[in-house]
Amino acid sequence: NAFNEIMKAVCNTPISIYQIKTTLKK
């Protein structure tokens, strides 16, 4: 929850944790 709130505050287009983990796996 804290991470998602930070993402909303900092990024114009917030990315989900799922998307980040998928990118990291690649």
PDB file of all heavy atoms in Angstrom:
ATOM      1  N   ASN A   1       0.832  -1.216   0.000  1.00  0.00           N
ATOM      2  CA  ASN A   1       0.000   0.000   0.000  1.00  0.00           C
ATOM      3  C   ASN A   1       0.861   1.259   0.000  1.00  0.00           C
ATOM      4  O   ASN A   1       0.578   2.201  -0.747  1.00  0.00           O
ATOM      5  CB  ASN A   1      -0.946   0.012   1.202  1.00  0.00           C
ATOM      6  CG  ASN A   1      -2.069  -0.995   1.047  1.00  0.00           C
ATOM      7  OD1 ASN A   1      -2.388  -1.411  -0.054  1.00  0.00           O
ATOM      8  ND2 ASN A   1      -2.673  -1.375   2.167  1.00  0.00           N
ATOM      9  N   ALA A   2       1.899   1.281   0.828  1.00  0.00           N
ATOM     10  CA  ALA A   2       2.787   2.443   0.880  1.00  0.00           C
ATOM     11  C   ALA A   2       3.473   2.641  -0.468  1.00  0.00           C
ATOM     12  O   ALA A   2       3.564   3.764  -0.976  1.00  0.00           O
ATOM     13  CB  ALA A   2       3.822   2.274   1.991  1.00  0.00           C
ATOM     14  N   PHE A   3       3.932   1.550  -1.061  1.00  0.00           N
ATOM     15  CA  PHE A   3       4.585   1.635  -2.367  1.00  0.00           C
ATOM     16  C   PHE A   3       3.638   2.190  -3.423  1.00  0.00           C
ATOM     17  O   PHE A   3       4.001   3.076  -4.198  1.00  0.00           O
ATOM     18  CB  PHE A   3       5.105   0.256  -2.789  1.00  0.00           C
ATOM     19  CG  PHE A   3       5.725   0.249  -4.150  1.00  0.00           C
ATOM     20  CD1 PHE A   3       6.995   0.748  -4.346  1.00  0.00           C
ATOM     21  CD2 PHE A   3       5.023  -0.235  -5.244  1.00  0.00           C
ATOM     22  CE1 PHE A   3       7.573   0.760  -5.599  1.00  0.00           C
ATOM     23  CE2 PHE A   3       5.578  -0.228  -6.508  1.00  0.00           C
ATOM     24  CZ  PHE A   3       6.865   0.267  -6.681  1.00  0.00           C
ATOM     25  N   ASN A   4       2.390   1.687  -3.452  1.00  0.00           N
ATOM     26  CA  ASN A   4       1.412   2.170  -4.434  1.00  0.00           C
ATOM     27  C   ASN A   4       1.114   3.646  -4.255  1.00  0.00           C
ATOM     28  O   ASN A   4       0.961   4.380  -5.244  1.00  0.00           O
ATOM     29  CB  ASN A   4       0.135   1.334  -4.353  1.00  0.00           C
ATOM     30  CG  ASN A   4       0.335  -0.077  -4.877  1.00  0.00           C
ATOM     31  OD1 ASN A   4       1.167  -0.314  -5.752  1.00  0.00           O
ATOM     32  ND2 ASN A   4      -0.411  -1.024  -4.330  1.00  0.00           N
ATOM     33  N   GLU A   5       1.040   4.103  -3.023  1.00  0.00           N
ATOM     34  CA  GLU A   5       0.807   5.534  -2.764  1.00  0.00           C
ATOM     35  C   GLU A   5       1.982   6.372  -3.264  1.00  0.00           C
ATOM     36  O   GLU A   5       1.779   7.441  -3.859  1.00  0.00           O
ATOM     37  CB  GLU A   5       0.579   5.774  -1.268  1.00  0.00           C
ATOM     38  CG  GLU A   5      -0.730   5.230  -0.738  1.00  0.00           C
ATOM     39  CD  GLU A   5      -1.937   5.893  -1.375  1.00  0.00           C
ATOM     40  OE1 GLU A   5      -1.923   7.124  -1.568  1.00  0.00           O
ATOM     41  OE2 GLU A   5      -2.899   5.163  -1.703  1.00  0.00           O
ATOM     42  N   ILE A   6       3.199   5.897  -3.042  1.00  0.00           N
ATOM     43  CA  ILE A   6       4.385   6.618  -3.525  1.00  0.00           C
ATOM     44  C   ILE A   6       4.381   6.654  -5.048  1.00  0.00           C
ATOM     45  O   ILE A   6       4.668   7.691  -5.657  1.00  0.00           O
ATOM     46  CB  ILE A   6       5.677   5.971  -2.987  1.00  0.00           C
ATOM     47  CG1 ILE A   6       5.765   6.173  -1.472  1.00  0.00           C
ATOM     48  CG2 ILE A   6       6.916   6.533  -3.680  1.00  0.00           C
ATOM     49  CD1 ILE A   6       6.845   5.349  -0.788  1.00  0.00           C
ATOM     50  N   MET A   7       4.037   5.534  -5.684  1.00  0.00           N
ATOM     51  CA  MET A   7       3.979   5.486  -7.144  1.00  0.00           C
ATOM     52  C   MET A   7       2.987   6.506  -7.690  1.00  0.00           C
ATOM     53  O   MET A   7       3.273   7.203  -8.668  1.00  0.00           O
ATOM     54  CB  MET A   7       3.585   4.077  -7.625  1.00  0.00           C
ATOM     55  CG  MET A   7       4.695   3.057  -7.555  1.00  0.00           C
ATOM     56  SD  MET A   7       6.084   3.427  -8.628  1.00  0.00           S
ATOM     57  CE  MET A   7       5.365   3.175 -10.225  1.00  0.00           C
ATOM     58  N   LYS A   8       1.822   6.617  -7.041  1.00  0.00           N
ATOM     59  CA  LYS A   8       0.807   7.588  -7.489  1.00  0.00           C
ATOM     60  C   LYS A   8       1.324   9.014  -7.351  1.00  0.00           C
ATOM     61  O   LYS A   8       1.070   9.860  -8.196  1.00  0.00           O
ATOM     62  CB  LYS A   8      -0.471   7.435  -6.676  1.00  0.00           C
ATOM     63  CG  LYS A   8      -1.269   6.205  -7.019  1.00  0.00           C
ATOM     64  CD  LYS A   8      -2.499   6.102  -6.118  1.00  0.00           C
ATOM     65  CE  LYS A   8      -3.147   4.747  -6.222  1.00  0.00           C
ATOM     66  NZ  LYS A   8      -4.203   4.561  -5.206  1.00  0.00           N
ATOM     67  N   ALA A   9       2.067   9.266  -6.266  1.00  0.00           N
ATOM     68  CA  ALA A   9       2.554  10.621  -6.005  1.00  0.00           C
ATOM     69  C   ALA A   9       3.714  11.016  -6.915  1.00  0.00           C
ATOM     70  O   ALA A   9       3.852  12.184  -7.268  1.00  0.00           O
ATOM     71  CB  ALA A   9       2.992  10.739  -4.539  1.00  0.00           C
ATOM     72  N   VAL A  10       4.531  10.057  -7.332  1.00  0.00           N
ATOM     73  CA  VAL A  10       5.751  10.376  -8.065  1.00  0.00           C
ATOM     74  C   VAL A  10       5.626  10.195  -9.573  1.00  0.00           C
ATOM     75  O   VAL A  10       6.230  10.928 -10.335  1.00  0.00           O
ATOM     76  CB  VAL A  10       6.928   9.502  -7.555  1.00  0.00           C
ATOM     77  CG1 VAL A  10       8.245   9.971  -8.126  1.00  0.00           C
ATOM     78  CG2 VAL A  10       7.008   9.501  -6.047  1.00  0.00           C
ATOM     79  N   CYS A  11       4.845   9.229 -10.010  1.00  0.00           N
ATOM     80  CA  CYS A  11       4.773   8.910 -11.442  1.00  0.00           C
ATOM     81  C   CYS A  11       3.485   9.424 -12.067  1.00  0.00           C
ATOM     82  O   CYS A  11       2.421   9.316 -11.474  1.00  0.00           O
ATOM     83  CB  CYS A  11       4.862   7.402 -11.644  1.00  0.00           C
ATOM     84  SG  CYS A  11       6.419   6.703 -11.085  1.00  0.00           S
ATOM     85  N   ASN A  12       3.631   9.914 -13.277  1.00  0.00           N
ATOM     86  CA  ASN A  12       2.445  10.349 -14.025  1.00  0.00           C
ATOM     87  C   ASN A  12       1.567   9.157 -14.371  1.00  0.00           C
ATOM     88  O   ASN A  12       0.347   9.252 -14.358  1.00  0.00           O
ATOM     89  CB  ASN A  12       2.862  11.063 -15.314  1.00  0.00           C
ATOM     90  CG  ASN A  12       3.550  12.376 -15.024  1.00  0.00           C
ATOM     91  OD1 ASN A  12       3.387  12.934 -13.944  1.00  0.00           O
ATOM     92  ND2 ASN A  12       4.340  12.854 -15.967  1.00  0.00           N
ATOM     93  N   THR A  13       2.190   8.053 -14.730  1.00  0.00           N
ATOM     94  CA  THR A  13       1.456   6.817 -15.029  1.00  0.00           C
ATOM     95  C   THR A  13       1.987   5.728 -14.096  1.00  0.00           C
ATOM     96  O   THR A  13       2.972   5.063 -14.413  1.00  0.00           O
ATOM     97  CB  THR A  13       1.650   6.395 -16.499  1.00  0.00           C
ATOM     98  OG1 THR A  13       3.044   6.320 -16.779  1.00  0.00           O
ATOM     99  CG2 THR A  13       0.990   7.376 -17.443  1.00  0.00           C
ATOM    100  N   PRO A  14       1.359   5.570 -12.924  1.00  0.00           N
ATOM    101  CA  PRO A  14       1.833   4.571 -11.960  1.00  0.00           C
ATOM    102  C   PRO A  14       1.846   3.167 -12.547  1.00  0.00           C
ATOM    103  O   PRO A  14       0.990   2.811 -13.355  1.00  0.00           O
ATOM    104  CB  PRO A  14       0.826   4.655 -10.813  1.00  0.00           C
ATOM    105  CG  PRO A  14       0.125   5.956 -10.990  1.00  0.00           C
ATOM    106  CD  PRO A  14       0.176   6.265 -12.462  1.00  0.00           C
ATOM    107  N   ILE A  15       2.847   2.403 -12.140  1.00  0.00           N
ATOM    108  CA  ILE A  15       3.008   1.022 -12.599  1.00  0.00           C
ATOM    109  C   ILE A  15       2.731   0.104 -11.419  1.00  0.00           C
ATOM    110  O   ILE A  15       3.178   0.370 -10.297  1.00  0.00           O
ATOM    111  CB  ILE A  15       4.432   0.800 -13.147  1.00  0.00           C
ATOM    112  CG1 ILE A  15       4.678   1.741 -14.333  1.00  0.00           C
ATOM    113  CG2 ILE A  15       4.652  -0.645 -13.545  1.00  0.00           C
ATOM    114  CD1 ILE A  15       6.109   1.754 -14.806  1.00  0.00           C
ATOM    115  N   SER A  16       2.007  -0.971 -11.657  1.00  0.00           N
ATOM    116  CA  SER A  16       1.668  -1.887 -10.568  1.00  0.00           C
ATOM    117  C   SER A  16       2.871  -2.733 -10.164  1.00  0.00           C
ATOM    118  O   SER A  16       3.819  -2.915 -10.938  1.00  0.00           O
ATOM    119  CB  SER A  16       0.526  -2.806 -10.991  1.00  0.00           C
ATOM    120  OG  SER A  16       0.987  -3.748 -11.930  1.00  0.00           O
ATOM    121  N   ILE A  17       2.805  -3.266  -8.961  1.00  0.00           N
ATOM    122  CA  ILE A  17       3.856  -4.162  -8.481  1.00  0.00           C
ATOM    123  C   ILE A  17       3.963  -5.372  -9.397  1.00  0.00           C
ATOM    124  O   ILE A  17       5.061  -5.845  -9.702  1.00  0.00           O
ATOM    125  CB  ILE A  17       3.597  -4.567  -7.020  1.00  0.00           C
ATOM    126  CG1 ILE A  17       3.775  -3.346  -6.111  1.00  0.00           C
ATOM    127  CG2 ILE A  17       4.529  -5.700  -6.588  1.00  0.00           C
ATOM    128  CD1 ILE A  17       3.441  -3.587  -4.659  1.00  0.00           C
ATOM    129  N   TYR A  18       2.825  -5.870  -9.866  1.00  0.00           N
ATOM    130  CA  TYR A  18       2.820  -7.007 -10.788  1.00  0.00           C
ATOM    131  C   TYR A  18       3.626  -6.681 -12.053  1.00  0.00           C
ATOM    132  O   TYR A  18       4.441  -7.478 -12.508  1.00  0.00           O
ATOM    133  CB  TYR A  18       1.385  -7.408 -11.149  1.00  0.00           C
ATOM    134  CG  TYR A  18       1.325  -8.461 -12.229  1.00  0.00           C
ATOM    135  CD1 TYR A  18       1.556  -9.801 -11.920  1.00  0.00           C
ATOM    136  CD2 TYR A  18       1.070  -8.111 -13.551  1.00  0.00           C
ATOM    137  CE1 TYR A  18       1.514 -10.777 -12.905  1.00  0.00           C
ATOM    138  CE2 TYR A  18       1.035  -9.074 -14.545  1.00  0.00           C
ATOM    139  CZ  TYR A  18       1.254 -10.398 -14.215  1.00  0.00           C
ATOM    140  OH  TYR A  18       1.232 -11.351 -15.201  1.00  0.00           O
ATOM    141  N   GLN A  19       3.403  -5.484 -12.625  1.00  0.00           N
ATOM    142  CA  GLN A  19       4.124  -5.088 -13.834  1.00  0.00           C
ATOM    143  C   GLN A  19       5.624  -4.976 -13.572  1.00  0.00           C
ATOM    144  O   GLN A  19       6.443  -5.362 -14.402  1.00  0.00           O
ATOM    145  CB  GLN A  19       3.594  -3.750 -14.352  1.00  0.00           C
ATOM    146  CG  GLN A  19       2.203  -3.830 -14.931  1.00  0.00           C
ATOM    147  CD  GLN A  19       1.643  -2.448 -15.236  1.00  0.00           C
ATOM    148  OE1 GLN A  19       1.597  -1.584 -14.364  1.00  0.00           O
ATOM    149  NE2 GLN A  19       1.220  -2.262 -16.484  1.00  0.00           N
ATOM    150  N   ILE A  20       5.974  -4.458 -12.410  1.00  0.00           N
ATOM    151  CA  ILE A  20       7.396  -4.310 -12.069  1.00  0.00           C
ATOM    152  C   ILE A  20       8.047  -5.679 -11.927  1.00  0.00           C
ATOM    153  O   ILE A  20       9.143  -5.930 -12.443  1.00  0.00           O
ATOM    154  CB  ILE A  20       7.560  -3.485 -10.771  1.00  0.00           C
ATOM    155  CG1 ILE A  20       7.101  -2.051 -11.002  1.00  0.00           C
ATOM    156  CG2 ILE A  20       9.009  -3.514 -10.292  1.00  0.00           C
ATOM    157  CD1 ILE A  20       6.967  -1.233  -9.747  1.00  0.00           C
ATOM    158  N   LYS A  21       7.367  -6.595 -11.227  1.00  0.00           N
ATOM    159  CA  LYS A  21       7.925  -7.941 -11.042  1.00  0.00           C
ATOM    160  C   LYS A  21       8.065  -8.662 -12.386  1.00  0.00           C
ATOM    161  O   LYS A  21       9.051  -9.373 -12.612  1.00  0.00           O
ATOM    162  CB  LYS A  21       7.052  -8.753 -10.094  1.00  0.00           C
ATOM    163  CG  LYS A  21       7.190  -8.330  -8.645  1.00  0.00           C
ATOM    164  CD  LYS A  21       6.308  -9.183  -7.744  1.00  0.00           C
ATOM    165  CE  LYS A  21       6.466  -8.786  -6.289  1.00  0.00           C
ATOM    166  NZ  LYS A  21       5.614  -9.612  -5.403  1.00  0.00           N
ATOM    167  N   THR A  22       7.100  -8.476 -13.275  1.00  0.00           N
ATOM    168  CA  THR A  22       7.162  -9.102 -14.601  1.00  0.00           C
ATOM    169  C   THR A  22       8.361  -8.566 -15.375  1.00  0.00           C
ATOM    170  O   THR A  22       9.104  -9.327 -15.998  1.00  0.00           O
ATOM    171  CB  THR A  22       5.854  -8.839 -15.383  1.00  0.00           C
ATOM    172  OG1 THR A  22       4.763  -9.347 -14.614  1.00  0.00           O
ATOM    173  CG2 THR A  22       5.873  -9.502 -16.738  1.00  0.00           C
ATOM    174  N   THR A  23       8.572  -7.259 -15.316  1.00  0.00           N
ATOM    175  CA  THR A  23       9.719  -6.646 -15.990  1.00  0.00           C
ATOM    176  C   THR A  23      11.022  -7.145 -15.383  1.00  0.00           C
ATOM    177  O   THR A  23      11.965  -7.469 -16.105  1.00  0.00           O
ATOM    178  CB  THR A  23       9.652  -5.104 -15.876  1.00  0.00           C
ATOM    179  OG1 THR A  23       8.423  -4.656 -16.441  1.00  0.00           O
ATOM    180  CG2 THR A  23      10.819  -4.445 -16.577  1.00  0.00           C
ATOM    181  N   LEU A  24      11.063  -7.228 -14.077  1.00  0.00           N
ATOM    182  CA  LEU A  24      12.260  -7.686 -13.380  1.00  0.00           C
ATOM    183  C   LEU A  24      12.602  -9.124 -13.748  1.00  0.00           C
ATOM    184  O   LEU A  24      13.771  -9.466 -13.958  1.00  0.00           O
ATOM    185  CB  LEU A  24      12.051  -7.548 -11.870  1.00  0.00           C
ATOM    186  CG  LEU A  24      13.267  -7.553 -10.974  1.00  0.00           C
ATOM    187  CD1 LEU A  24      14.282  -6.510 -11.407  1.00  0.00           C
ATOM    188  CD2 LEU A  24      12.859  -7.308  -9.535  1.00  0.00           C
ATOM    189  N   LYS A  25      11.585  -9.971 -13.880  1.00  0.00           N
ATOM    190  CA  LYS A  25      11.813 -11.369 -14.264  1.00  0.00           C
ATOM    191  C   LYS A  25      12.425 -11.463 -15.658  1.00  0.00           C
ATOM    192  O   LYS A  25      13.210 -12.361 -15.941  1.00  0.00           O
ATOM    193  CB  LYS A  25      10.515 -12.167 -14.206  1.00  0.00           C
ATOM    194  CG  LYS A  25      10.121 -12.568 -12.809  1.00  0.00           C
ATOM    195  CD  LYS A  25       8.856 -13.393 -12.814  1.00  0.00           C
ATOM    196  CE  LYS A  25       8.441 -13.731 -11.401  1.00  0.00           C
ATOM    197  NZ  LYS A  25       7.210 -14.523 -11.354  1.00  0.00           N
ATOM    198  N   LYS A  26      12.048 -10.533 -16.543  1.00  0.00           N
ATOM    199  CA  LYS A  26      12.614 -10.535 -17.888  1.00  0.00           C
ATOM    200  C   LYS A  26      14.082 -10.106 -17.862  1.00  0.00           C
ATOM    201  O   LYS A  26      14.886 -10.569 -18.663  1.00  0.00           O
ATOM    202  CB  LYS A  26      11.823  -9.601 -18.806  1.00  0.00           C
ATOM    203  CG  LYS A  26      10.446 -10.119 -19.148  1.00  0.00           C
ATOM    204  CD  LYS A  26       9.688  -9.119 -19.988  1.00  0.00           C
ATOM    205  CE  LYS A  26       8.247  -9.570 -20.201  1.00  0.00           C
ATOM    206  NZ  LYS A  26       7.451  -8.536 -20.864  1.00  0.00           N
TER     207      LYS A  26
END
